[in-house]
Amino acid sequence: MAKQPSLASYLRGARTKRGLSVIDAAERAGVSAASIYLWETGKARPRDANLVSLCKVLKLPVRTTRDLADR
C-alpha cells in the first residue's frame, strides 16, 4: 500500500507544482511567508481558516487536505 504524503510535503508539492514561491502563496492566501514555511516543514499546522484559504490558492481539495492535517 502506498504511503500517503505528510501535510507538509503535500502542501510544498502543490505549491511548487503551481510554480508559486513561498511569498506568492502567502500573499494570495493572506498569511505570512513564515507561516507557509512552518507548515511546509511540519513545524506548525495551519488553522482551519488558513488551511481553507491555502487550499483555494493551491487548488487543493479541502476535505483531503483537512484529513492529512488531522493525522
PDB file of N, CA and C in Angstrom:
ATOM      1  N   MET A   1       0.846  -1.186   0.000  1.00  0.00           N
ATOM      2  CA  MET A   1       0.000   0.000   0.000  1.00  0.00           C
ATOM      3  C   MET A   1       0.884   1.239   0.000  1.00  0.00           C
ATOM      4  N   ALA A   2       0.558   2.218  -0.832  1.00  0.00           N
ATOM      5  CA  ALA A   2       1.361   3.434  -0.944  1.00  0.00           C
ATOM      6  C   ALA A   2       1.160   4.303   0.291  1.00  0.00           C
ATOM      7  N   LYS A   3       2.243   4.868   0.735  1.00  0.00           N
ATOM      8  CA  LYS A   3       2.200   5.749   1.901  1.00  0.00           C
ATOM      9  C   LYS A   3       1.663   7.111   1.490  1.00  0.00           C
ATOM     10  N   GLN A   4       0.718   7.636   2.277  1.00  0.00           N
ATOM     11  CA  GLN A   4       0.194   8.965   1.995  1.00  0.00           C
ATOM     12  C   GLN A   4       1.235   9.999   2.399  1.00  0.00           C
ATOM     13  N   PRO A   5       1.305  11.105   1.655  1.00  0.00           N
ATOM     14  CA  PRO A   5       2.279  12.133   1.999  1.00  0.00           C
ATOM     15  C   PRO A   5       1.899  12.834   3.296  1.00  0.00           C
ATOM     16  N   SER A   6       2.869  13.426   3.927  1.00  0.00           N
ATOM     17  CA  SER A   6       2.577  14.244   5.097  1.00  0.00           C
ATOM     18  C   SER A   6       1.925  15.530   4.616  1.00  0.00           C
ATOM     19  N   LEU A   7       1.272  16.223   5.521  1.00  0.00           N
ATOM     20  CA  LEU A   7       0.669  17.509   5.165  1.00  0.00           C
ATOM     21  C   LEU A   7       1.744  18.446   4.629  1.00  0.00           C
ATOM     22  N   ALA A   8       2.898  18.468   5.273  1.00  0.00           N
ATOM     23  CA  ALA A   8       3.977  19.366   4.875  1.00  0.00           C
ATOM     24  C   ALA A   8       4.408  19.113   3.434  1.00  0.00           C
ATOM     25  N   SER A   9       4.666  17.864   3.087  1.00  0.00           N
ATOM     26  CA  SER A   9       5.123  17.574   1.724  1.00  0.00           C
ATOM     27  C   SER A   9       4.000  17.760   0.705  1.00  0.00           C
ATOM     28  N   TYR A  10       2.771  17.506   1.111  1.00  0.00           N
ATOM     29  CA  TYR A  10       1.612  17.707   0.237  1.00  0.00           C
ATOM     30  C   TYR A  10       1.478  19.183  -0.134  1.00  0.00           C
ATOM     31  N   LEU A  11       1.575  20.058   0.871  1.00  0.00           N
ATOM     32  CA  LEU A  11       1.463  21.494   0.621  1.00  0.00           C
ATOM     33  C   LEU A  11       2.625  22.007  -0.215  1.00  0.00           C
ATOM     34  N   ARG A  12       3.822  21.598   0.129  1.00  0.00           N
ATOM     35  CA  ARG A  12       5.014  22.039  -0.610  1.00  0.00           C
ATOM     36  C   ARG A  12       4.952  21.580  -2.066  1.00  0.00           C
ATOM     37  N   GLY A  13       4.555  20.331  -2.269  1.00  0.00           N
ATOM     38  CA  GLY A  13       4.447  19.802  -3.623  1.00  0.00           C
ATOM     39  C   GLY A  13       3.406  20.544  -4.454  1.00  0.00           C
ATOM     40  N   ALA A  14       2.268  20.842  -3.845  1.00  0.00           N
ATOM     41  CA  ALA A  14       1.208  21.562  -4.559  1.00  0.00           C
ATOM     42  C   ALA A  14       1.663  22.975  -4.918  1.00  0.00           C
ATOM     43  N   ARG A  15       2.359  23.624  -3.996  1.00  0.00           N
ATOM     44  CA  ARG A  15       2.836  24.987  -4.252  1.00  0.00           C
ATOM     45  C   ARG A  15       3.857  25.002  -5.384  1.00  0.00           C
ATOM     46  N   THR A  16       4.818  24.102  -5.344  1.00  0.00           N
ATOM     47  CA  THR A  16       5.845  24.086  -6.390  1.00  0.00           C
ATOM     48  C   THR A  16       5.256  23.660  -7.727  1.00  0.00           C
ATOM     49  N   LYS A  17       4.274  22.757  -7.713  1.00  0.00           N
ATOM     50  CA  LYS A  17       3.611  22.338  -8.949  1.00  0.00           C
ATOM     51  C   LYS A  17       2.915  23.524  -9.619  1.00  0.00           C
ATOM     52  N   ARG A  18       2.396  24.434  -8.822  1.00  0.00           N
ATOM     53  CA  ARG A  18       1.714  25.619  -9.343  1.00  0.00           C
ATOM     54  C   ARG A  18       2.713  26.728  -9.712  1.00  0.00           C
ATOM     55  N   GLY A  19       3.999  26.496  -9.421  1.00  0.00           N
ATOM     56  CA  GLY A  19       5.018  27.490  -9.762  1.00  0.00           C
ATOM     57  C   GLY A  19       5.005  28.715  -8.874  1.00  0.00           C
ATOM     58  N   LEU A  20       4.507  28.549  -7.658  1.00  0.00           N
ATOM     59  CA  LEU A  20       4.437  29.672  -6.725  1.00  0.00           C
ATOM     60  C   LEU A  20       5.593  29.641  -5.743  1.00  0.00           C
ATOM     61  N   SER A  21       6.121  30.803  -5.446  1.00  0.00           N
ATOM     62  CA  SER A  21       7.117  30.903  -4.380  1.00  0.00           C
ATOM     63  C   SER A  21       6.374  30.916  -3.047  1.00  0.00           C
ATOM     64  N   VAL A  22       7.111  30.767  -1.967  1.00  0.00           N
ATOM     65  CA  VAL A  22       6.504  30.838  -0.638  1.00  0.00           C
ATOM     66  C   VAL A  22       5.833  32.197  -0.463  1.00  0.00           C
ATOM     67  N   ILE A  23       6.499  33.248  -0.897  1.00  0.00           N
ATOM     68  CA  ILE A  23       5.957  34.603  -0.751  1.00  0.00           C
ATOM     69  C   ILE A  23       4.683  34.774  -1.572  1.00  0.00           C
ATOM     70  N   ASP A  24       4.685  34.284  -2.816  1.00  0.00           N
ATOM     71  CA  ASP A  24       3.486  34.379  -3.654  1.00  0.00           C
ATOM     72  C   ASP A  24       2.304  33.662  -3.013  1.00  0.00           C
ATOM     73  N   ALA A  25       2.534  32.437  -2.564  1.00  0.00           N
ATOM     74  CA  ALA A  25       1.457  31.660  -1.948  1.00  0.00           C
ATOM     75  C   ALA A  25       0.950  32.352  -0.688  1.00  0.00           C
ATOM     76  N   ALA A  26       1.859  32.889   0.096  1.00  0.00           N
ATOM     77  CA  ALA A  26       1.471  33.568   1.338  1.00  0.00           C
ATOM     78  C   ALA A  26       0.624  34.802   1.044  1.00  0.00           C
ATOM     79  N   GLU A  27       1.050  35.612   0.084  1.00  0.00           N
ATOM     80  CA  GLU A  27       0.295  36.818  -0.251  1.00  0.00           C
ATOM     81  C   GLU A  27      -1.104  36.475  -0.757  1.00  0.00           C
ATOM     82  N   ARG A  28      -1.201  35.474  -1.592  1.00  0.00           N
ATOM     83  CA  ARG A  28      -2.500  35.085  -2.152  1.00  0.00           C
ATOM     84  C   ARG A  28      -3.414  34.486  -1.087  1.00  0.00           C
ATOM     85  N   ALA A  29      -2.838  33.786  -0.114  1.00  0.00           N
ATOM     86  CA  ALA A  29      -3.639  33.158   0.943  1.00  0.00           C
ATOM     87  C   ALA A  29      -3.904  34.106   2.112  1.00  0.00           C
ATOM     88  N   GLY A  30      -3.227  35.241   2.142  1.00  0.00           N
ATOM     89  CA  GLY A  30      -3.426  36.201   3.225  1.00  0.00           C
ATOM     90  C   GLY A  30      -2.754  35.801   4.530  1.00  0.00           C
ATOM     91  N   VAL A  31      -1.625  35.112   4.405  1.00  0.00           N
ATOM     92  CA  VAL A  31      -0.854  34.707   5.589  1.00  0.00           C
ATOM     93  C   VAL A  31       0.602  35.138   5.389  1.00  0.00           C
ATOM     94  N   SER A  32       1.400  34.965   6.417  1.00  0.00           N
ATOM     95  CA  SER A  32       2.812  35.339   6.304  1.00  0.00           C
ATOM     96  C   SER A  32       3.614  34.235   5.605  1.00  0.00           C
ATOM     97  N   ALA A  33       4.709  34.636   5.000  1.00  0.00           N
ATOM     98  CA  ALA A  33       5.610  33.655   4.379  1.00  0.00           C
ATOM     99  C   ALA A  33       6.163  32.712   5.442  1.00  0.00           C
ATOM    100  N   ALA A  34       6.376  33.234   6.641  1.00  0.00           N
ATOM    101  CA  ALA A  34       6.870  32.396   7.739  1.00  0.00           C
ATOM    102  C   ALA A  34       5.870  31.286   8.059  1.00  0.00           C
ATOM    103  N   SER A  35       4.589  31.588   7.980  1.00  0.00           N
ATOM    104  CA  SER A  35       3.566  30.566   8.236  1.00  0.00           C
ATOM    105  C   SER A  35       3.656  29.454   7.201  1.00  0.00           C
ATOM    106  N   ILE A  36       3.770  29.840   5.924  1.00  0.00           N
ATOM    107  CA  ILE A  36       3.888  28.834   4.867  1.00  0.00           C
ATOM    108  C   ILE A  36       5.116  27.964   5.128  1.00  0.00           C
ATOM    109  N   TYR A  37       6.231  28.592   5.463  1.00  0.00           N
ATOM    110  CA  TYR A  37       7.466  27.852   5.745  1.00  0.00           C
ATOM    111  C   TYR A  37       7.244  26.857   6.886  1.00  0.00           C
ATOM    112  N   LEU A  38       6.624  27.303   7.965  1.00  0.00           N
ATOM    113  CA  LEU A  38       6.393  26.425   9.116  1.00  0.00           C
ATOM    114  C   LEU A  38       5.480  25.259   8.757  1.00  0.00           C
ATOM    115  N   TRP A  39       4.462  25.508   7.953  1.00  0.00           N
ATOM    116  CA  TRP A  39       3.540  24.440   7.555  1.00  0.00           C
ATOM    117  C   TRP A  39       4.236  23.448   6.641  1.00  0.00           C
ATOM    118  N   GLU A  40       5.073  23.958   5.730  1.00  0.00           N
ATOM    119  CA  GLU A  40       5.739  23.076   4.765  1.00  0.00           C
ATOM    120  C   GLU A  40       6.899  22.289   5.367  1.00  0.00           C
ATOM    121  N   THR A  41       7.358  22.697   6.520  1.00  0.00           N
ATOM    122  CA  THR A  41       8.421  21.951   7.187  1.00  0.00           C
ATOM    123  C   THR A  41       7.872  21.097   8.323  1.00  0.00           C
ATOM    124  N   GLY A  42       6.570  21.167   8.542  1.00  0.00           N
ATOM    125  CA  GLY A  42       5.940  20.357   9.571  1.00  0.00           C
ATOM    126  C   GLY A  42       6.150  20.863  10.985  1.00  0.00           C
ATOM    127  N   LYS A  43       6.604  22.103  11.122  1.00  0.00           N
ATOM    128  CA  LYS A  43       6.852  22.669  12.454  1.00  0.00           C
ATOM    129  C   LYS A  43       5.595  23.272  13.068  1.00  0.00           C
ATOM    130  N   ALA A  44       4.574  23.482  12.236  1.00  0.00           N
ATOM    131  CA  ALA A  44       3.294  24.027  12.716  1.00  0.00           C
ATOM    132  C   ALA A  44       2.198  23.545  11.777  1.00  0.00           C
ATOM    133  N   ARG A  45       0.982  23.624  12.255  1.00  0.00           N
ATOM    134  CA  ARG A  45      -0.189  23.252  11.453  1.00  0.00           C
ATOM    135  C   ARG A  45      -1.039  24.501  11.242  1.00  0.00           C
ATOM    136  N   PRO A  46      -1.604  24.650  10.059  1.00  0.00           N
ATOM    137  CA  PRO A  46      -2.443  25.829   9.807  1.00  0.00           C
ATOM    138  C   PRO A  46      -3.780  25.738  10.530  1.00  0.00           C
ATOM    139  N   ARG A  47      -4.271  26.897  10.953  1.00  0.00           N
ATOM    140  CA  ARG A  47      -5.632  26.960  11.489  1.00  0.00           C
ATOM    141  C   ARG A  47      -6.582  26.653  10.345  1.00  0.00           C
ATOM    142  N   ASP A  48      -7.785  26.264  10.673  1.00  0.00           N
ATOM    143  CA  ASP A  48      -8.734  25.819   9.659  1.00  0.00           C
ATOM    144  C   ASP A  48      -8.979  26.890   8.593  1.00  0.00           C
ATOM    145  N   ALA A  49      -9.209  28.129   9.001  1.00  0.00           N
ATOM    146  CA  ALA A  49      -9.481  29.199   8.026  1.00  0.00           C
ATOM    147  C   ALA A  49      -8.289  29.401   7.096  1.00  0.00           C
ATOM    148  N   ASN A  50      -7.084  29.333   7.647  1.00  0.00           N
ATOM    149  CA  ASN A  50      -5.885  29.493   6.818  1.00  0.00           C
ATOM    150  C   ASN A  50      -5.699  28.302   5.882  1.00  0.00           C
ATOM    151  N   LEU A  51      -6.042  27.122   6.353  1.00  0.00           N
ATOM    152  CA  LEU A  51      -5.935  25.923   5.523  1.00  0.00           C
ATOM    153  C   LEU A  51      -6.888  26.015   4.332  1.00  0.00           C
ATOM    154  N   VAL A  52      -8.108  26.458   4.577  1.00  0.00           N
ATOM    155  CA  VAL A  52      -9.092  26.607   3.506  1.00  0.00           C
ATOM    156  C   VAL A  52      -8.605  27.644   2.496  1.00  0.00           C
ATOM    157  N   SER A  53      -8.088  28.758   2.983  1.00  0.00           N
ATOM    158  CA  SER A  53      -7.571  29.806   2.105  1.00  0.00           C
ATOM    159  C   SER A  53      -6.420  29.283   1.250  1.00  0.00           C
ATOM    160  N   LEU A  54      -5.512  28.552   1.869  1.00  0.00           N
ATOM    161  CA  LEU A  54      -4.373  27.999   1.135  1.00  0.00           C
ATOM    162  C   LEU A  54      -4.833  26.963   0.111  1.00  0.00           C
ATOM    163  N   CYS A  55      -5.828  26.171   0.460  1.00  0.00           N
ATOM    164  CA  CYS A  55      -6.370  25.180  -0.483  1.00  0.00           C
ATOM    165  C   CYS A  55      -6.918  25.864  -1.729  1.00  0.00           C
ATOM    166  N   LYS A  56      -7.568  26.998  -1.548  1.00  0.00           N
ATOM    167  CA  LYS A  56      -8.104  27.736  -2.693  1.00  0.00           C
ATOM    168  C   LYS A  56      -6.965  28.216  -3.589  1.00  0.00           C
ATOM    169  N   VAL A  57      -5.919  28.745  -2.976  1.00  0.00           N
ATOM    170  CA  VAL A  57      -4.770  29.249  -3.735  1.00  0.00           C
ATOM    171  C   VAL A  57      -4.085  28.111  -4.493  1.00  0.00           C
ATOM    172  N   LEU A  58      -3.914  26.972  -3.828  1.00  0.00           N
ATOM    173  CA  LEU A  58      -3.187  25.853  -4.419  1.00  0.00           C
ATOM    174  C   LEU A  58      -4.094  24.899  -5.201  1.00  0.00           C
ATOM    175  N   LYS A  59      -5.391  25.209  -5.226  1.00  0.00           N
ATOM    176  CA  LYS A  59      -6.377  24.371  -5.922  1.00  0.00           C
ATOM    177  C   LYS A  59      -6.353  22.925  -5.415  1.00  0.00           C
ATOM    178  N   LEU A  60      -6.396  22.815  -4.087  1.00  0.00           N
ATOM    179  CA  LEU A  60      -6.399  21.509  -3.432  1.00  0.00           C
ATOM    180  C   LEU A  60      -7.781  21.226  -2.860  1.00  0.00           C
ATOM    181  N   PRO A  61      -8.180  19.950  -2.792  1.00  0.00           N
ATOM    182  CA  PRO A  61      -9.458  19.617  -2.165  1.00  0.00           C
ATOM    183  C   PRO A  61      -9.364  19.823  -0.648  1.00  0.00           C
ATOM    184  N   VAL A  62     -10.282  20.606  -0.119  1.00  0.00           N
ATOM    185  CA  VAL A  62     -10.240  20.953   1.303  1.00  0.00           C
ATOM    186  C   VAL A  62     -10.367  19.712   2.179  1.00  0.00           C
ATOM    187  N   ARG A  63     -11.295  18.821   1.865  1.00  0.00           N
ATOM    188  CA  ARG A  63     -11.532  17.641   2.710  1.00  0.00           C
ATOM    189  C   ARG A  63     -10.282  16.762   2.796  1.00  0.00           C
ATOM    190  N   THR A  64      -9.662  16.480   1.668  1.00  0.00           N
ATOM    191  CA  THR A  64      -8.455  15.650   1.651  1.00  0.00           C
ATOM    192  C   THR A  64      -7.336  16.313   2.447  1.00  0.00           C
ATOM    193  N   THR A  65      -7.205  17.612   2.276  1.00  0.00           N
ATOM    194  CA  THR A  65      -6.152  18.350   2.968  1.00  0.00           C
ATOM    195  C   THR A  65      -6.411  18.369   4.472  1.00  0.00           C
ATOM    196  N   ARG A  66      -7.664  18.547   4.845  1.00  0.00           N
ATOM    197  CA  ARG A  66      -8.001  18.506   6.276  1.00  0.00           C
ATOM    198  C   ARG A  66      -7.702  17.130   6.868  1.00  0.00           C
ATOM    199  N   ASP A  67      -8.002  16.086   6.112  1.00  0.00           N
ATOM    200  CA  ASP A  67      -7.721  14.729   6.587  1.00  0.00           C
ATOM    201  C   ASP A  67      -6.227  14.551   6.853  1.00  0.00           C
ATOM    202  N   LEU A  68      -5.401  15.067   5.964  1.00  0.00           N
ATOM    203  CA  LEU A  68      -3.946  14.992   6.182  1.00  0.00           C
ATOM    204  C   LEU A  68      -3.544  15.783   7.414  1.00  0.00           C
ATOM    205  N   ALA A  69      -4.165  16.943   7.607  1.00  0.00           N
ATOM    206  CA  ALA A  69      -3.833  17.793   8.749  1.00  0.00           C
ATOM    207  C   ALA A  69      -4.224  17.137  10.065  1.00  0.00           C
ATOM    208  N   ASP A  70      -5.262  16.312  10.021  1.00  0.00           N
ATOM    209  CA  ASP A  70      -5.753  15.669  11.245  1.00  0.00           C
ATOM    210  C   ASP A  70      -4.979  14.420  11.630  1.00  0.00           C
ATOM    211  N   ARG A  71      -4.083  13.946  10.760  1.00  0.00           N
ATOM    212  CA  ARG A  71      -3.330  12.732  11.074  1.00  0.00           C
ATOM    213  C   ARG A  71      -2.217  13.012  12.038  1.00  0.00           C
TER     214      ARG A  71
END
